[in-house]
Amino acid sequence: MDEQNPYRGPDAAVAEFSSADELAGRGARLGAAIIDMIIMLVVLIPVMFIGGYFDMINEAMATGAQPGLATGLMWNLISIVIFVVLQFFPLNASGQTWGKKVLKVKIVDMQGNKPDMTKLMGIRYVLVYAISCIPFIGGILYLINVLMIFRNDRRCAHDLIAGTKVVHAD
């Protein structure tokens, strides 16, 4: 007679699990974004100083004028170029920004592979940043983008648009 042993382990097959399958935590993503922002500011602030941005702002404040739209667009374009120069190498090599490398998380496509660089830089970063630069509405759209991290799948709007997710790096 074949009796059931209540202490016997289950017969279910256990699938292999990789840490790359596990979504990165919200804190790790925030930390990586903060590190990337600090790196960006360390490079961008001297460029802004040398380029006369702060003099222009001080002059505008003294006269009560607003800096022109073209000036704002030019500095946004400069910051996008600096971001691409700073982050292209690590993103191309491993799907990680410098901040993501430090915190051991990476960007992958929905199949777990390193995403296409055109899609990664063009859609996930540059397009979303360009939208955030739209006066008035851009800030609201960017806030909505970031707040989507609180969904169950922890994917922001830029992840949904680019077909990516952020996971733990092996």
N, C-alpha and C. Protein backbone atom coordinates (compact mmCIF):
# COMPACT_ATOMS: atom_id res chain seq x y z
N MET A 1 0.84 -1.17 0.00
CA MET A 1 0.00 0.00 0.00
C MET A 1 0.89 1.24 0.00
N ASP A 2 0.53 2.22 -0.84
CA ASP A 2 1.33 3.43 -0.98
C ASP A 2 0.76 4.53 -0.10
N GLU A 3 1.37 4.74 1.06
CA GLU A 3 0.89 5.77 1.98
C GLU A 3 1.58 7.10 1.70
N GLN A 4 0.86 8.18 1.93
CA GLN A 4 1.41 9.52 1.78
C GLN A 4 2.24 9.86 3.01
N ASN A 5 3.47 10.31 2.79
CA ASN A 5 4.33 10.76 3.87
C ASN A 5 4.14 12.26 4.03
N PRO A 6 3.58 12.72 5.14
CA PRO A 6 3.33 14.16 5.31
C PRO A 6 4.62 14.97 5.44
N TYR A 7 5.76 14.32 5.64
CA TYR A 7 7.03 15.03 5.83
C TYR A 7 7.90 15.04 4.58
N ARG A 8 7.42 14.38 3.54
CA ARG A 8 8.16 14.32 2.29
C ARG A 8 8.06 15.65 1.56
N GLY A 9 9.14 16.05 0.91
CA GLY A 9 9.14 17.30 0.14
C GLY A 9 8.24 17.20 -1.07
N PRO A 10 7.82 18.32 -1.61
CA PRO A 10 6.95 18.30 -2.79
C PRO A 10 7.67 17.74 -4.01
N ASP A 11 6.89 17.19 -4.93
CA ASP A 11 7.43 16.62 -6.14
C ASP A 11 7.49 17.62 -7.29
N ALA A 12 7.11 18.84 -7.05
CA ALA A 12 7.07 19.84 -8.11
C ALA A 12 8.48 20.16 -8.60
N ALA A 13 8.59 20.36 -9.91
CA ALA A 13 9.88 20.73 -10.48
C ALA A 13 10.17 22.18 -10.13
N VAL A 14 11.39 22.46 -9.72
CA VAL A 14 11.79 23.80 -9.35
C VAL A 14 12.51 24.42 -10.52
N ALA A 15 12.01 25.56 -10.98
CA ALA A 15 12.62 26.23 -12.12
C ALA A 15 13.87 26.97 -11.67
N GLU A 16 14.82 27.07 -12.57
CA GLU A 16 16.03 27.83 -12.27
C GLU A 16 15.64 29.29 -12.13
N PHE A 17 16.26 29.96 -11.17
CA PHE A 17 15.96 31.36 -10.92
C PHE A 17 17.25 32.15 -10.98
N SER A 18 17.23 33.22 -11.69
CA SER A 18 18.38 34.11 -11.78
C SER A 18 18.01 35.43 -11.13
N SER A 19 18.96 36.07 -10.46
CA SER A 19 18.67 37.36 -9.84
C SER A 19 18.31 38.39 -10.90
N ALA A 20 18.69 38.14 -12.16
CA ALA A 20 18.34 39.05 -13.25
C ALA A 20 16.84 39.03 -13.53
N ASP A 21 16.15 38.00 -13.03
CA ASP A 21 14.70 37.94 -13.21
C ASP A 21 13.98 38.79 -12.17
N GLU A 22 14.67 39.18 -11.13
CA GLU A 22 14.05 39.91 -10.04
C GLU A 22 14.10 41.41 -10.32
N LEU A 23 12.94 42.06 -10.24
CA LEU A 23 12.87 43.50 -10.47
C LEU A 23 13.68 44.24 -9.42
N ALA A 24 14.33 45.29 -9.85
CA ALA A 24 15.09 46.12 -8.92
C ALA A 24 14.11 46.85 -8.01
N GLY A 25 14.52 47.10 -6.80
CA GLY A 25 13.69 47.81 -5.85
C GLY A 25 13.57 49.29 -6.18
N ARG A 26 12.54 49.90 -5.66
CA ARG A 26 12.33 51.33 -5.89
C ARG A 26 13.47 52.15 -5.30
N GLY A 27 13.96 51.73 -4.14
CA GLY A 27 15.06 52.46 -3.50
C GLY A 27 16.33 52.41 -4.31
N ALA A 28 16.64 51.25 -4.90
CA ALA A 28 17.83 51.13 -5.74
C ALA A 28 17.70 52.00 -6.98
N ARG A 29 16.52 52.04 -7.55
CA ARG A 29 16.31 52.87 -8.75
C ARG A 29 16.43 54.34 -8.40
N LEU A 30 15.87 54.74 -7.26
CA LEU A 30 15.99 56.13 -6.83
C LEU A 30 17.45 56.47 -6.55
N GLY A 31 18.15 55.59 -5.85
CA GLY A 31 19.56 55.82 -5.55
C GLY A 31 20.39 55.97 -6.81
N ALA A 32 20.15 55.11 -7.80
CA ALA A 32 20.87 55.19 -9.07
C ALA A 32 20.59 56.51 -9.78
N ALA A 33 19.33 56.95 -9.75
CA ALA A 33 18.96 58.22 -10.38
C ALA A 33 19.65 59.39 -9.68
N ILE A 34 19.76 59.32 -8.36
CA ILE A 34 20.43 60.39 -7.61
C ILE A 34 21.92 60.42 -7.95
N ILE A 35 22.55 59.25 -8.00
CA ILE A 35 23.97 59.19 -8.37
C ILE A 35 24.18 59.75 -9.77
N ASP A 36 23.32 59.36 -10.72
CA ASP A 36 23.43 59.87 -12.08
C ASP A 36 23.23 61.38 -12.12
N MET A 37 22.32 61.89 -11.32
CA MET A 37 22.08 63.34 -11.28
C MET A 37 23.28 64.08 -10.71
N ILE A 38 23.90 63.53 -9.69
CA ILE A 38 25.09 64.16 -9.11
C ILE A 38 26.22 64.21 -10.14
N ILE A 39 26.43 63.10 -10.84
CA ILE A 39 27.45 63.06 -11.89
C ILE A 39 27.14 64.11 -12.96
N MET A 40 25.88 64.18 -13.35
CA MET A 40 25.46 65.14 -14.37
C MET A 40 25.72 66.57 -13.91
N LEU A 41 25.38 66.88 -12.66
CA LEU A 41 25.57 68.24 -12.15
C LEU A 41 27.04 68.61 -12.03
N VAL A 42 27.87 67.65 -11.65
CA VAL A 42 29.31 67.90 -11.54
C VAL A 42 29.88 68.34 -12.89
N VAL A 43 29.35 67.81 -13.97
CA VAL A 43 29.81 68.18 -15.31
C VAL A 43 29.06 69.40 -15.83
N LEU A 44 27.75 69.44 -15.64
CA LEU A 44 26.92 70.49 -16.25
C LEU A 44 27.13 71.86 -15.62
N ILE A 45 27.27 71.94 -14.31
CA ILE A 45 27.39 73.26 -13.66
C ILE A 45 28.62 74.03 -14.16
N PRO A 46 29.80 73.42 -14.25
CA PRO A 46 30.92 74.19 -14.83
C PRO A 46 30.67 74.61 -16.28
N VAL A 47 30.03 73.75 -17.07
CA VAL A 47 29.71 74.11 -18.45
C VAL A 47 28.76 75.31 -18.47
N MET A 48 27.79 75.31 -17.57
CA MET A 48 26.84 76.43 -17.49
C MET A 48 27.55 77.71 -17.06
N PHE A 49 28.49 77.58 -16.14
CA PHE A 49 29.24 78.74 -15.67
C PHE A 49 30.09 79.32 -16.80
N ILE A 50 30.83 78.46 -17.48
CA ILE A 50 31.69 78.90 -18.59
C ILE A 50 30.84 79.43 -19.74
N GLY A 51 29.69 78.82 -19.99
CA GLY A 51 28.81 79.23 -21.09
C GLY A 51 28.00 80.49 -20.81
N GLY A 52 28.11 81.07 -19.61
CA GLY A 52 27.42 82.31 -19.30
C GLY A 52 25.99 82.18 -18.84
N TYR A 53 25.56 80.96 -18.56
CA TYR A 53 24.17 80.74 -18.13
C TYR A 53 23.84 81.51 -16.86
N PHE A 54 24.71 81.45 -15.87
CA PHE A 54 24.41 82.10 -14.59
C PHE A 54 24.44 83.61 -14.72
N ASP A 55 25.33 84.16 -15.55
CA ASP A 55 25.34 85.60 -15.81
C ASP A 55 24.03 86.03 -16.45
N MET A 56 23.55 85.24 -17.40
CA MET A 56 22.29 85.55 -18.08
C MET A 56 21.12 85.54 -17.09
N ILE A 57 21.10 84.56 -16.18
CA ILE A 57 20.02 84.48 -15.19
C ILE A 57 20.08 85.67 -14.24
N ASN A 58 21.29 86.01 -13.79
CA ASN A 58 21.44 87.16 -12.89
C ASN A 58 21.01 88.45 -13.57
N GLU A 59 21.35 88.62 -14.83
CA GLU A 59 20.96 89.81 -15.58
C GLU A 59 19.44 89.87 -15.74
N ALA A 60 18.84 88.72 -16.05
CA ALA A 60 17.39 88.67 -16.21
C ALA A 60 16.69 89.00 -14.88
N MET A 61 17.23 88.49 -13.77
CA MET A 61 16.62 88.77 -12.46
C MET A 61 16.74 90.25 -12.11
N ALA A 62 17.86 90.87 -12.47
CA ALA A 62 18.08 92.29 -12.17
C ALA A 62 17.13 93.18 -12.95
N THR A 63 16.81 92.79 -14.17
CA THR A 63 15.93 93.61 -15.01
C THR A 63 14.47 93.17 -14.93
N GLY A 64 14.20 92.07 -14.28
CA GLY A 64 12.83 91.57 -14.17
C GLY A 64 12.37 90.83 -15.41
N ALA A 65 13.27 90.57 -16.34
CA ALA A 65 12.92 89.87 -17.59
C ALA A 65 13.05 88.36 -17.38
N GLN A 66 12.48 87.62 -18.29
CA GLN A 66 12.58 86.17 -18.30
C GLN A 66 13.57 85.76 -19.39
N PRO A 67 14.38 84.74 -19.14
CA PRO A 67 15.23 84.24 -20.22
C PRO A 67 14.35 83.74 -21.37
N GLY A 68 14.82 83.87 -22.58
CA GLY A 68 14.04 83.49 -23.74
C GLY A 68 13.86 81.99 -23.87
N LEU A 69 12.84 81.59 -24.59
CA LEU A 69 12.55 80.19 -24.84
C LEU A 69 13.71 79.52 -25.59
N ALA A 70 14.28 80.24 -26.55
CA ALA A 70 15.40 79.68 -27.33
C ALA A 70 16.59 79.39 -26.42
N THR A 71 16.84 80.25 -25.45
CA THR A 71 17.94 80.03 -24.52
C THR A 71 17.69 78.79 -23.68
N GLY A 72 16.47 78.65 -23.19
CA GLY A 72 16.12 77.47 -22.41
C GLY A 72 16.25 76.20 -23.21
N LEU A 73 15.79 76.23 -24.46
CA LEU A 73 15.91 75.06 -25.34
C LEU A 73 17.36 74.71 -25.63
N MET A 74 18.19 75.75 -25.81
CA MET A 74 19.60 75.52 -26.08
C MET A 74 20.26 74.82 -24.89
N TRP A 75 19.97 75.28 -23.67
CA TRP A 75 20.58 74.65 -22.49
C TRP A 75 20.02 73.25 -22.24
N ASN A 76 18.78 73.03 -22.58
CA ASN A 76 18.24 71.66 -22.49
C ASN A 76 18.94 70.75 -23.49
N LEU A 77 19.16 71.24 -24.69
CA LEU A 77 19.87 70.45 -25.70
C LEU A 77 21.30 70.15 -25.24
N ILE A 78 21.96 71.14 -24.67
CA ILE A 78 23.32 70.94 -24.16
C ILE A 78 23.31 69.87 -23.06
N SER A 79 22.32 69.91 -22.18
CA SER A 79 22.27 68.91 -21.10
C SER A 79 21.99 67.51 -21.65
N ILE A 80 21.18 67.40 -22.70
CA ILE A 80 20.93 66.09 -23.32
C ILE A 80 22.22 65.55 -23.93
N VAL A 81 22.96 66.40 -24.61
CA VAL A 81 24.22 65.97 -25.23
C VAL A 81 25.20 65.52 -24.14
N ILE A 82 25.29 66.27 -23.04
CA ILE A 82 26.19 65.89 -21.94
C ILE A 82 25.75 64.55 -21.35
N PHE A 83 24.45 64.35 -21.17
CA PHE A 83 23.97 63.07 -20.65
C PHE A 83 24.39 61.92 -21.57
N VAL A 84 24.18 62.09 -22.86
CA VAL A 84 24.53 61.02 -23.82
C VAL A 84 26.03 60.74 -23.77
N VAL A 85 26.84 61.80 -23.73
CA VAL A 85 28.29 61.61 -23.66
C VAL A 85 28.69 60.88 -22.38
N LEU A 86 28.09 61.25 -21.26
CA LEU A 86 28.43 60.63 -19.98
C LEU A 86 27.96 59.18 -19.87
N GLN A 87 26.77 58.88 -20.36
CA GLN A 87 26.16 57.59 -20.10
C GLN A 87 26.19 56.60 -21.26
N PHE A 88 26.61 57.04 -22.45
CA PHE A 88 26.58 56.13 -23.61
C PHE A 88 27.43 54.89 -23.38
N PHE A 89 28.66 55.06 -22.92
CA PHE A 89 29.56 53.91 -22.75
C PHE A 89 28.99 52.85 -21.82
N PRO A 90 28.60 53.19 -20.58
CA PRO A 90 28.09 52.12 -19.71
C PRO A 90 26.76 51.55 -20.19
N LEU A 91 25.90 52.38 -20.77
CA LEU A 91 24.62 51.86 -21.28
C LEU A 91 24.85 50.90 -22.44
N ASN A 92 25.79 51.23 -23.31
CA ASN A 92 26.09 50.37 -24.45
C ASN A 92 26.76 49.07 -24.00
N ALA A 93 27.61 49.15 -23.00
CA ALA A 93 28.34 47.97 -22.55
C ALA A 93 27.47 46.99 -21.78
N SER A 94 26.61 47.51 -20.88
CA SER A 94 25.90 46.59 -19.99
C SER A 94 24.45 46.95 -19.71
N GLY A 95 23.94 48.00 -20.34
CA GLY A 95 22.57 48.41 -20.05
C GLY A 95 22.46 49.09 -18.69
N GLN A 96 23.57 49.67 -18.24
CA GLN A 96 23.58 50.34 -16.94
C GLN A 96 24.13 51.75 -17.08
N THR A 97 23.53 52.70 -16.37
CA THR A 97 24.15 54.00 -16.20
C THR A 97 25.20 53.84 -15.11
N TRP A 98 25.99 54.88 -14.87
CA TRP A 98 27.00 54.78 -13.81
C TRP A 98 26.34 54.52 -12.46
N GLY A 99 25.22 55.18 -12.19
CA GLY A 99 24.51 54.97 -10.93
C GLY A 99 23.96 53.55 -10.81
N LYS A 100 23.45 53.01 -11.89
CA LYS A 100 22.94 51.64 -11.88
C LYS A 100 24.09 50.65 -11.67
N LYS A 101 25.27 50.94 -12.23
CA LYS A 101 26.43 50.08 -12.00
C LYS A 101 26.77 50.03 -10.51
N VAL A 102 26.79 51.20 -9.87
CA VAL A 102 27.13 51.28 -8.45
C VAL A 102 26.15 50.46 -7.61
N LEU A 103 24.86 50.56 -7.94
CA LEU A 103 23.83 49.88 -7.15
C LEU A 103 23.45 48.50 -7.69
N LYS A 104 24.20 48.05 -8.68
CA LYS A 104 24.05 46.68 -9.21
C LYS A 104 22.64 46.35 -9.73
N VAL A 105 22.12 47.28 -10.53
CA VAL A 105 20.89 47.04 -11.26
C VAL A 105 21.14 47.38 -12.72
N LYS A 106 20.30 46.85 -13.61
CA LYS A 106 20.50 47.12 -15.03
C LYS A 106 19.16 47.17 -15.76
N ILE A 107 19.21 47.76 -16.93
CA ILE A 107 18.04 47.87 -17.79
C ILE A 107 18.07 46.71 -18.78
N VAL A 108 16.95 46.02 -18.89
CA VAL A 108 16.84 44.93 -19.86
C VAL A 108 15.52 45.09 -20.60
N ASP A 109 15.43 44.41 -21.76
CA ASP A 109 14.14 44.39 -22.45
C ASP A 109 13.23 43.38 -21.74
N MET A 110 12.05 43.19 -22.21
CA MET A 110 11.09 42.33 -21.53
C MET A 110 11.47 40.85 -21.59
N GLN A 111 12.42 40.48 -22.45
CA GLN A 111 12.91 39.11 -22.51
C GLN A 111 14.16 38.92 -21.66
N GLY A 112 14.63 39.99 -21.02
CA GLY A 112 15.80 39.90 -20.16
C GLY A 112 17.12 40.17 -20.86
N ASN A 113 17.06 40.62 -22.11
CA ASN A 113 18.28 40.92 -22.87
C ASN A 113 18.62 42.40 -22.80
N LYS A 114 19.88 42.72 -23.11
CA LYS A 114 20.28 44.13 -23.16
C LYS A 114 19.50 44.80 -24.29
N PRO A 115 18.84 45.92 -24.00
CA PRO A 115 18.04 46.57 -25.04
C PRO A 115 18.89 47.19 -26.14
N ASP A 116 18.26 47.39 -27.28
CA ASP A 116 18.88 48.07 -28.41
C ASP A 116 19.25 49.49 -27.98
N MET A 117 20.47 49.94 -28.32
CA MET A 117 20.93 51.27 -27.89
C MET A 117 20.09 52.40 -28.45
N THR A 118 19.64 52.27 -29.68
CA THR A 118 18.81 53.33 -30.27
C THR A 118 17.53 53.49 -29.46
N LYS A 119 16.92 52.37 -29.13
CA LYS A 119 15.69 52.40 -28.35
C LYS A 119 15.97 52.92 -26.93
N LEU A 120 17.07 52.45 -26.36
CA LEU A 120 17.41 52.83 -25.00
C LEU A 120 17.70 54.33 -24.88
N MET A 121 18.60 54.83 -25.71
CA MET A 121 18.95 56.25 -25.62
C MET A 121 17.87 57.14 -26.23
N GLY A 122 17.37 56.74 -27.38
CA GLY A 122 16.43 57.59 -28.10
C GLY A 122 15.07 57.69 -27.45
N ILE A 123 14.53 56.56 -27.02
CA ILE A 123 13.16 56.56 -26.47
C ILE A 123 13.17 56.68 -24.96
N ARG A 124 13.93 55.82 -24.30
CA ARG A 124 13.87 55.76 -22.84
C ARG A 124 14.43 57.01 -22.19
N TYR A 125 15.46 57.59 -22.77
CA TYR A 125 16.08 58.75 -22.15
C TYR A 125 15.80 60.07 -22.89
N VAL A 126 16.26 60.19 -24.12
CA VAL A 126 16.20 61.48 -24.81
C VAL A 126 14.76 61.93 -25.05
N LEU A 127 13.90 61.05 -25.55
CA LEU A 127 12.51 61.43 -25.81
C LEU A 127 11.80 61.85 -24.52
N VAL A 128 11.97 61.07 -23.47
CA VAL A 128 11.30 61.39 -22.20
C VAL A 128 11.85 62.69 -21.63
N TYR A 129 13.16 62.92 -21.73
CA TYR A 129 13.74 64.17 -21.25
C TYR A 129 13.22 65.34 -22.08
N ALA A 130 13.16 65.18 -23.39
CA ALA A 130 12.67 66.25 -24.26
C ALA A 130 11.22 66.61 -23.91
N ILE A 131 10.40 65.62 -23.64
CA ILE A 131 9.01 65.89 -23.24
C ILE A 131 8.97 66.64 -21.92
N SER A 132 9.87 66.30 -21.01
CA SER A 132 9.88 66.98 -19.70
C SER A 132 10.29 68.44 -19.82
N CYS A 133 10.91 68.82 -20.94
CA CYS A 133 11.35 70.21 -21.14
C CYS A 133 10.24 71.11 -21.69
N ILE A 134 9.10 70.56 -22.03
CA ILE A 134 7.99 71.36 -22.53
C ILE A 134 7.53 72.27 -21.40
N PRO A 135 7.48 73.57 -21.66
CA PRO A 135 7.06 74.49 -20.58
C PRO A 135 5.69 74.11 -20.00
N PHE A 136 5.57 74.25 -18.71
CA PHE A 136 4.37 73.99 -17.91
C PHE A 136 4.00 72.50 -17.85
N ILE A 137 3.58 71.93 -18.95
CA ILE A 137 3.07 70.56 -18.94
C ILE A 137 4.17 69.51 -18.79
N GLY A 138 5.39 69.82 -19.22
CA GLY A 138 6.49 68.87 -19.17
C GLY A 138 6.79 68.38 -17.76
N GLY A 139 6.77 69.29 -16.80
CA GLY A 139 7.03 68.91 -15.41
C GLY A 139 5.97 67.98 -14.87
N ILE A 140 4.72 68.23 -15.24
CA ILE A 140 3.62 67.37 -14.80
C ILE A 140 3.75 65.98 -15.43
N LEU A 141 4.05 65.94 -16.73
CA LEU A 141 4.22 64.66 -17.41
C LEU A 141 5.39 63.88 -16.83
N TYR A 142 6.48 64.57 -16.50
CA TYR A 142 7.64 63.88 -15.91
C TYR A 142 7.30 63.32 -14.53
N LEU A 143 6.54 64.08 -13.75
CA LEU A 143 6.13 63.60 -12.43
C LEU A 143 5.26 62.35 -12.56
N ILE A 144 4.33 62.34 -13.51
CA ILE A 144 3.50 61.16 -13.76
C ILE A 144 4.39 59.98 -14.15
N ASN A 145 5.37 60.24 -15.03
CA ASN A 145 6.32 59.21 -15.46
C ASN A 145 6.98 58.56 -14.25
N VAL A 146 7.53 59.37 -13.36
CA VAL A 146 8.27 58.86 -12.21
C VAL A 146 7.34 58.16 -11.22
N LEU A 147 6.15 58.70 -11.00
CA LEU A 147 5.24 58.11 -10.01
C LEU A 147 4.71 56.74 -10.44
N MET A 148 4.84 56.42 -11.70
CA MET A 148 4.38 55.11 -12.15
C MET A 148 5.24 53.97 -11.57
N ILE A 149 6.34 54.30 -10.90
CA ILE A 149 7.18 53.30 -10.25
C ILE A 149 6.40 52.55 -9.18
N PHE A 150 5.31 53.13 -8.71
CA PHE A 150 4.52 52.50 -7.65
C PHE A 150 3.52 51.48 -8.17
N ARG A 151 3.56 51.19 -9.47
CA ARG A 151 2.76 50.10 -10.01
C ARG A 151 3.35 48.78 -9.54
N ASN A 152 2.61 47.71 -9.64
CA ASN A 152 3.10 46.39 -9.21
C ASN A 152 4.34 45.94 -9.98
N ASP A 153 4.42 46.30 -11.27
CA ASP A 153 5.57 45.86 -12.06
C ASP A 153 6.75 46.82 -11.97
N ARG A 154 6.64 47.87 -11.17
CA ARG A 154 7.71 48.85 -10.90
C ARG A 154 8.29 49.46 -12.17
N ARG A 155 7.46 49.59 -13.20
CA ARG A 155 7.91 50.18 -14.46
C ARG A 155 7.35 51.58 -14.60
N CYS A 156 8.24 52.54 -14.81
CA CYS A 156 7.83 53.92 -15.05
C CYS A 156 7.33 54.03 -16.49
N ALA A 157 6.78 55.20 -16.83
CA ALA A 157 6.28 55.39 -18.20
C ALA A 157 7.40 55.21 -19.22
N HIS A 158 8.62 55.67 -18.88
CA HIS A 158 9.72 55.51 -19.85
C HIS A 158 10.05 54.04 -20.06
N ASP A 159 9.84 53.19 -19.07
CA ASP A 159 10.03 51.76 -19.25
C ASP A 159 8.95 51.18 -20.17
N LEU A 160 7.72 51.60 -19.95
CA LEU A 160 6.60 51.11 -20.78
C LEU A 160 6.78 51.53 -22.24
N ILE A 161 7.18 52.78 -22.45
CA ILE A 161 7.36 53.29 -23.81
C ILE A 161 8.48 52.54 -24.53
N ALA A 162 9.58 52.29 -23.82
CA ALA A 162 10.75 51.66 -24.44
C ALA A 162 10.71 50.13 -24.38
N GLY A 163 9.74 49.56 -23.67
CA GLY A 163 9.67 48.11 -23.55
C GLY A 163 10.80 47.55 -22.69
N THR A 164 11.13 48.25 -21.61
CA THR A 164 12.23 47.83 -20.73
C THR A 164 11.75 47.64 -19.31
N LYS A 165 12.63 47.05 -18.51
CA LYS A 165 12.42 46.94 -17.07
C LYS A 165 13.80 47.01 -16.41
N VAL A 166 13.82 47.29 -15.13
CA VAL A 166 15.09 47.38 -14.40
C VAL A 166 15.13 46.21 -13.42
N VAL A 167 16.20 45.42 -13.52
CA VAL A 167 16.35 44.22 -12.71
C VAL A 167 17.68 44.25 -11.98
N HIS A 168 17.84 43.33 -11.04
CA HIS A 168 19.12 43.17 -10.37
C HIS A 168 20.15 42.66 -11.36
N ALA A 169 21.34 43.20 -11.30
CA ALA A 169 22.44 42.72 -12.15
C ALA A 169 23.09 41.53 -11.49
N ASP A 170 23.51 40.56 -12.28
CA ASP A 170 24.18 39.37 -11.74
C ASP A 170 25.57 39.71 -11.24
